[in-house]
Amino acid sequence: MNTTIAISNETRDQLKGFGNKGETYDEIIIRMLDAAKEKQLHDLLMDERGTITVDDALKQARKRWP
């Protein structure tokens, strides 16, 4: 089952620019969504906020459990 979405001609043209020869709009959008999900996962896994180095973690552990 398919649906129709309204996009501007400019957006359609930009979307075409992401496509490969013979690729449908659906295939282009799926590929772009897959790439966006992969980037989100990468950013989540590589986020260093609230982290400490392994050396610092070992120092803290040795202080707690000599």
PDB file of N, CA and C in Angstrom:
ATOM      1  N   MET A   1       0.844  -1.176   0.000  1.00  0.00           N
ATOM      2  CA  MET A   1       0.000   0.000   0.000  1.00  0.00           C
ATOM      3  C   MET A   1       0.892   1.242   0.000  1.00  0.00           C
ATOM      4  N   ASN A   2       0.561   2.190  -0.803  1.00  0.00           N
ATOM      5  CA  ASN A   2       1.337   3.425  -0.915  1.00  0.00           C
ATOM      6  C   ASN A   2       0.518   4.610  -0.459  1.00  0.00           C
ATOM      7  N   THR A   3       1.217   5.694  -0.204  1.00  0.00           N
ATOM      8  CA  THR A   3       0.577   6.951   0.151  1.00  0.00           C
ATOM      9  C   THR A   3       1.243   8.064  -0.636  1.00  0.00           C
ATOM     10  N   THR A   4       0.613   9.189  -0.688  1.00  0.00           N
ATOM     11  CA  THR A   4       1.167  10.349  -1.377  1.00  0.00           C
ATOM     12  C   THR A   4       1.489  11.415  -0.343  1.00  0.00           C
ATOM     13  N   ILE A   5       2.673  11.999  -0.460  1.00  0.00           N
ATOM     14  CA  ILE A   5       3.044  13.116   0.402  1.00  0.00           C
ATOM     15  C   ILE A   5       3.316  14.323  -0.479  1.00  0.00           C
ATOM     16  N   ALA A   6       2.951  15.480   0.023  1.00  0.00           N
ATOM     17  CA  ALA A   6       3.156  16.711  -0.732  1.00  0.00           C
ATOM     18  C   ALA A   6       4.499  17.330  -0.343  1.00  0.00           C
ATOM     19  N   ILE A   7       5.335  17.551  -1.334  1.00  0.00           N
ATOM     20  CA  ILE A   7       6.602  18.250  -1.120  1.00  0.00           C
ATOM     21  C   ILE A   7       6.744  19.294  -2.225  1.00  0.00           C
ATOM     22  N   SER A   8       7.532  20.293  -1.949  1.00  0.00           N
ATOM     23  CA  SER A   8       7.723  21.339  -2.952  1.00  0.00           C
ATOM     24  C   SER A   8       8.578  20.801  -4.102  1.00  0.00           C
ATOM     25  N   ASN A   9       8.525  21.482  -5.226  1.00  0.00           N
ATOM     26  CA  ASN A   9       9.365  21.103  -6.366  1.00  0.00           C
ATOM     27  C   ASN A   9      10.845  21.197  -6.001  1.00  0.00           C
ATOM     28  N   GLU A  10      11.187  22.192  -5.198  1.00  0.00           N
ATOM     29  CA  GLU A  10      12.582  22.359  -4.777  1.00  0.00           C
ATOM     30  C   GLU A  10      13.033  21.156  -3.943  1.00  0.00           C
ATOM     31  N   THR A  11      12.185  20.726  -3.013  1.00  0.00           N
ATOM     32  CA  THR A  11      12.512  19.555  -2.198  1.00  0.00           C
ATOM     33  C   THR A  11      12.626  18.313  -3.065  1.00  0.00           C
ATOM     34  N   ARG A  12      11.722  18.148  -3.993  1.00  0.00           N
ATOM     35  CA  ARG A  12      11.769  17.008  -4.911  1.00  0.00           C
ATOM     36  C   ARG A  12      13.091  16.998  -5.683  1.00  0.00           C
ATOM     37  N   ASP A  13      13.496  18.177  -6.177  1.00  0.00           N
ATOM     38  CA  ASP A  13      14.739  18.271  -6.932  1.00  0.00           C
ATOM     39  C   ASP A  13      15.949  17.936  -6.061  1.00  0.00           C
ATOM     40  N   GLN A  14      15.924  18.392  -4.816  1.00  0.00           N
ATOM     41  CA  GLN A  14      17.018  18.067  -3.894  1.00  0.00           C
ATOM     42  C   GLN A  14      17.039  16.573  -3.601  1.00  0.00           C
ATOM     43  N   LEU A  15      15.878  15.979  -3.448  1.00  0.00           N
ATOM     44  CA  LEU A  15      15.780  14.550  -3.201  1.00  0.00           C
ATOM     45  C   LEU A  15      16.335  13.751  -4.377  1.00  0.00           C
ATOM     46  N   LYS A  16      16.037  14.204  -5.572  1.00  0.00           N
ATOM     47  CA  LYS A  16      16.584  13.561  -6.772  1.00  0.00           C
ATOM     48  C   LYS A  16      18.110  13.554  -6.736  1.00  0.00           C
ATOM     49  N   GLY A  17      18.688  14.646  -6.216  1.00  0.00           N
ATOM     50  CA  GLY A  17      20.138  14.767  -6.149  1.00  0.00           C
ATOM     51  C   GLY A  17      20.792  13.732  -5.244  1.00  0.00           C
ATOM     52  N   PHE A  18      20.023  13.177  -4.318  1.00  0.00           N
ATOM     53  CA  PHE A  18      20.546  12.146  -3.428  1.00  0.00           C
ATOM     54  C   PHE A  18      20.409  10.754  -4.021  1.00  0.00           C
ATOM     55  N   GLY A  19      19.643  10.653  -5.095  1.00  0.00           N
ATOM     56  CA  GLY A  19      19.363   9.349  -5.664  1.00  0.00           C
ATOM     57  C   GLY A  19      20.420   8.854  -6.627  1.00  0.00           C
ATOM     58  N   ASN A  20      20.415   7.554  -6.822  1.00  0.00           N
ATOM     59  CA  ASN A  20      21.247   6.917  -7.824  1.00  0.00           C
ATOM     60  C   ASN A  20      20.370   6.599  -9.026  1.00  0.00           C
ATOM     61  N   LYS A  21      20.983   6.392 -10.167  1.00  0.00           N
ATOM     62  CA  LYS A  21      20.235   6.128 -11.388  1.00  0.00           C
ATOM     63  C   LYS A  21      19.297   4.929 -11.178  1.00  0.00           C
ATOM     64  N   GLY A  22      18.034   5.118 -11.505  1.00  0.00           N
ATOM     65  CA  GLY A  22      17.043   4.061 -11.406  1.00  0.00           C
ATOM     66  C   GLY A  22      16.446   3.868 -10.022  1.00  0.00           C
ATOM     67  N   GLU A  23      16.884   4.648  -9.052  1.00  0.00           N
ATOM     68  CA  GLU A  23      16.404   4.516  -7.686  1.00  0.00           C
ATOM     69  C   GLU A  23      15.090   5.281  -7.518  1.00  0.00           C
ATOM     70  N   THR A  24      14.129   4.680  -6.844  1.00  0.00           N
ATOM     71  CA  THR A  24      12.843   5.342  -6.609  1.00  0.00           C
ATOM     72  C   THR A  24      12.971   6.320  -5.442  1.00  0.00           C
ATOM     73  N   TYR A  25      11.989   7.223  -5.344  1.00  0.00           N
ATOM     74  CA  TYR A  25      11.984   8.144  -4.209  1.00  0.00           C
ATOM     75  C   TYR A  25      11.912   7.362  -2.905  1.00  0.00           C
ATOM     76  N   ASP A  26      11.126   6.306  -2.883  1.00  0.00           N
ATOM     77  CA  ASP A  26      10.998   5.484  -1.689  1.00  0.00           C
ATOM     78  C   ASP A  26      12.361   4.907  -1.292  1.00  0.00           C
ATOM     79  N   GLU A  27      13.103   4.405  -2.251  1.00  0.00           N
ATOM     80  CA  GLU A  27      14.429   3.838  -1.971  1.00  0.00           C
ATOM     81  C   GLU A  27      15.397   4.905  -1.474  1.00  0.00           C
ATOM     82  N   ILE A  28      15.322   6.089  -2.056  1.00  0.00           N
ATOM     83  CA  ILE A  28      16.186   7.199  -1.629  1.00  0.00           C
ATOM     84  C   ILE A  28      15.882   7.558  -0.180  1.00  0.00           C
ATOM     85  N   ILE A  29      14.603   7.703   0.126  1.00  0.00           N
ATOM     86  CA  ILE A  29      14.207   8.098   1.485  1.00  0.00           C
ATOM     87  C   ILE A  29      14.596   7.018   2.488  1.00  0.00           C
ATOM     88  N   ILE A  30      14.388   5.750   2.162  1.00  0.00           N
ATOM     89  CA  ILE A  30      14.766   4.663   3.067  1.00  0.00           C
ATOM     90  C   ILE A  30      16.270   4.691   3.320  1.00  0.00           C
ATOM     91  N   ARG A  31      17.057   4.885   2.269  1.00  0.00           N
ATOM     92  CA  ARG A  31      18.518   4.939   2.426  1.00  0.00           C
ATOM     93  C   ARG A  31      18.924   6.116   3.302  1.00  0.00           C
ATOM     94  N   MET A  32      18.274   7.264   3.111  1.00  0.00           N
ATOM     95  CA  MET A  32      18.591   8.438   3.917  1.00  0.00           C
ATOM     96  C   MET A  32      18.201   8.220   5.383  1.00  0.00           C
ATOM     97  N   LEU A  33      17.055   7.586   5.619  1.00  0.00           N
ATOM     98  CA  LEU A  33      16.628   7.297   6.986  1.00  0.00           C
ATOM     99  C   LEU A  33      17.581   6.323   7.658  1.00  0.00           C
ATOM    100  N   ASP A  34      18.029   5.306   6.930  1.00  0.00           N
ATOM    101  CA  ASP A  34      18.998   4.355   7.482  1.00  0.00           C
ATOM    102  C   ASP A  34      20.283   5.071   7.879  1.00  0.00           C
ATOM    103  N   ALA A  35      20.746   5.982   7.034  1.00  0.00           N
ATOM    104  CA  ALA A  35      21.965   6.736   7.331  1.00  0.00           C
ATOM    105  C   ALA A  35      21.765   7.628   8.558  1.00  0.00           C
ATOM    106  N   ALA A  36      20.590   8.250   8.663  1.00  0.00           N
ATOM    107  CA  ALA A  36      20.309   9.114   9.813  1.00  0.00           C
ATOM    108  C   ALA A  36      20.265   8.298  11.100  1.00  0.00           C
ATOM    109  N   LYS A  37      19.662   7.116  11.061  1.00  0.00           N
ATOM    110  CA  LYS A  37      19.617   6.243  12.248  1.00  0.00           C
ATOM    111  C   LYS A  37      21.024   5.815  12.651  1.00  0.00           C
ATOM    112  N   GLU A  38      21.840   5.471  11.672  1.00  0.00           N
ATOM    113  CA  GLU A  38      23.214   5.065  11.952  1.00  0.00           C
ATOM    114  C   GLU A  38      23.995   6.205  12.596  1.00  0.00           C
ATOM    115  N   LYS A  39      23.798   7.424  12.096  1.00  0.00           N
ATOM    116  CA  LYS A  39      24.489   8.581  12.678  1.00  0.00           C
ATOM    117  C   LYS A  39      24.010   8.838  14.102  1.00  0.00           C
ATOM    118  N   GLN A  40      22.702   8.716  14.346  1.00  0.00           N
ATOM    119  CA  GLN A  40      22.178   8.907  15.698  1.00  0.00           C
ATOM    120  C   GLN A  40      22.791   7.896  16.665  1.00  0.00           C
ATOM    121  N   LEU A  41      22.877   6.647  16.246  1.00  0.00           N
ATOM    122  CA  LEU A  41      23.463   5.617  17.093  1.00  0.00           C
ATOM    123  C   LEU A  41      24.943   5.908  17.345  1.00  0.00           C
ATOM    124  N   HIS A  42      25.648   6.295  16.296  1.00  0.00           N
ATOM    125  CA  HIS A  42      27.067   6.646  16.441  1.00  0.00           C
ATOM    126  C   HIS A  42      27.230   7.784  17.437  1.00  0.00           C
ATOM    127  N   ASP A  43      26.428   8.839  17.268  1.00  0.00           N
ATOM    128  CA  ASP A  43      26.532   9.994  18.157  1.00  0.00           C
ATOM    129  C   ASP A  43      26.226   9.608  19.605  1.00  0.00           C
ATOM    130  N   LEU A  44      25.244   8.739  19.797  1.00  0.00           N
ATOM    131  CA  LEU A  44      24.894   8.294  21.143  1.00  0.00           C
ATOM    132  C   LEU A  44      26.029   7.502  21.762  1.00  0.00           C
ATOM    133  N   LEU A  45      26.597   6.571  20.998  1.00  0.00           N
ATOM    134  CA  LEU A  45      27.655   5.718  21.531  1.00  0.00           C
ATOM    135  C   LEU A  45      28.964   6.466  21.745  1.00  0.00           C
ATOM    136  N   MET A  46      29.201   7.495  20.964  1.00  0.00           N
ATOM    137  CA  MET A  46      30.470   8.222  21.052  1.00  0.00           C
ATOM    138  C   MET A  46      30.377   9.479  21.921  1.00  0.00           C
ATOM    139  N   ASP A  47      29.225   9.722  22.533  1.00  0.00           N
ATOM    140  CA  ASP A  47      29.041  10.894  23.383  1.00  0.00           C
ATOM    141  C   ASP A  47      29.902  10.743  24.639  1.00  0.00           C
ATOM    142  N   GLU A  48      30.783  11.673  24.861  1.00  0.00           N
ATOM    143  CA  GLU A  48      31.710  11.591  25.981  1.00  0.00           C
ATOM    144  C   GLU A  48      31.254  12.386  27.198  1.00  0.00           C
ATOM    145  N   ARG A  49      30.107  13.031  27.117  1.00  0.00           N
ATOM    146  CA  ARG A  49      29.630  13.799  28.271  1.00  0.00           C
ATOM    147  C   ARG A  49      29.363  12.851  29.439  1.00  0.00           C
ATOM    148  N   GLY A  50      29.837  13.228  30.605  1.00  0.00           N
ATOM    149  CA  GLY A  50      29.602  12.439  31.807  1.00  0.00           C
ATOM    150  C   GLY A  50      30.466  11.193  31.909  1.00  0.00           C
ATOM    151  N   THR A  51      31.504  11.109  31.097  1.00  0.00           N
ATOM    152  CA  THR A  51      32.375   9.936  31.151  1.00  0.00           C
ATOM    153  C   THR A  51      33.718  10.315  31.766  1.00  0.00           C
ATOM    154  N   ILE A  52      34.443   9.287  32.187  1.00  0.00           N
ATOM    155  CA  ILE A  52      35.799   9.490  32.698  1.00  0.00           C
ATOM    156  C   ILE A  52      36.711   8.496  31.989  1.00  0.00           C
ATOM    157  N   THR A  53      37.986   8.751  32.069  1.00  0.00           N
ATOM    158  CA  THR A  53      38.948   7.855  31.423  1.00  0.00           C
ATOM    159  C   THR A  53      39.037   6.545  32.205  1.00  0.00           C
ATOM    160  N   VAL A  54      39.555   5.530  31.571  1.00  0.00           N
ATOM    161  CA  VAL A  54      39.750   4.237  32.228  1.00  0.00           C
ATOM    162  C   VAL A  54      40.713   4.393  33.400  1.00  0.00           C
ATOM    163  N   ASP A  55      41.770   5.175  33.206  1.00  0.00           N
ATOM    164  CA  ASP A  55      42.742   5.396  34.289  1.00  0.00           C
ATOM    165  C   ASP A  55      42.074   6.027  35.509  1.00  0.00           C
ATOM    166  N   ASP A  56      41.232   7.028  35.274  1.00  0.00           N
ATOM    167  CA  ASP A  56      40.532   7.670  36.389  1.00  0.00           C
ATOM    168  C   ASP A  56      39.562   6.704  37.059  1.00  0.00           C
ATOM    169  N   ALA A  57      38.900   5.880  36.286  1.00  0.00           N
ATOM    170  CA  ALA A  57      37.981   4.891  36.851  1.00  0.00           C
ATOM    171  C   ALA A  57      38.734   3.894  37.719  1.00  0.00           C
ATOM    172  N   LEU A  58      39.905   3.468  37.257  1.00  0.00           N
ATOM    173  CA  LEU A  58      40.719   2.541  38.044  1.00  0.00           C
ATOM    174  C   LEU A  58      41.192   3.197  39.342  1.00  0.00           C
ATOM    175  N   LYS A  59      41.598   4.463  39.269  1.00  0.00           N
ATOM    176  CA  LYS A  59      42.032   5.173  40.476  1.00  0.00           C
ATOM    177  C   LYS A  59      40.890   5.252  41.486  1.00  0.00           C
ATOM    178  N   GLN A  60      39.691   5.582  41.013  1.00  0.00           N
ATOM    179  CA  GLN A  60      38.526   5.665  41.909  1.00  0.00           C
ATOM    180  C   GLN A  60      38.207   4.302  42.511  1.00  0.00           C
ATOM    181  N   ALA A  61      38.293   3.257  41.704  1.00  0.00           N
ATOM    182  CA  ALA A  61      37.994   1.908  42.195  1.00  0.00           C
ATOM    183  C   ALA A  61      39.012   1.486  43.246  1.00  0.00           C
ATOM    184  N   ARG A  62      40.280   1.799  43.032  1.00  0.00           N
ATOM    185  CA  ARG A  62      41.329   1.430  44.005  1.00  0.00           C
ATOM    186  C   ARG A  62      41.158   2.177  45.325  1.00  0.00           C
ATOM    187  N   LYS A  63      40.648   3.405  45.260  1.00  0.00           N
ATOM    188  CA  LYS A  63      40.384   4.150  46.499  1.00  0.00           C
ATOM    189  C   LYS A  63      39.238   3.513  47.275  1.00  0.00           C
ATOM    190  N   ARG A  64      38.222   3.062  46.563  1.00  0.00           N
ATOM    191  CA  ARG A  64      37.054   2.471  47.228  1.00  0.00           C
ATOM    192  C   ARG A  64      37.343   1.055  47.725  1.00  0.00           C
ATOM    193  N   TRP A  65      38.090   0.308  46.951  1.00  0.00           N
ATOM    194  CA  TRP A  65      38.355  -1.088  47.281  1.00  0.00           C
ATOM    195  C   TRP A  65      39.868  -1.352  47.229  1.00  0.00           C
ATOM    196  N   PRO A  66      40.566  -0.931  48.275  1.00  0.00           N
ATOM    197  CA  PRO A  66      42.033  -1.078  48.269  1.00  0.00           C
ATOM    198  C   PRO A  66      42.483  -2.544  48.263  1.00  0.00           C
TER     199      PRO A  66
END
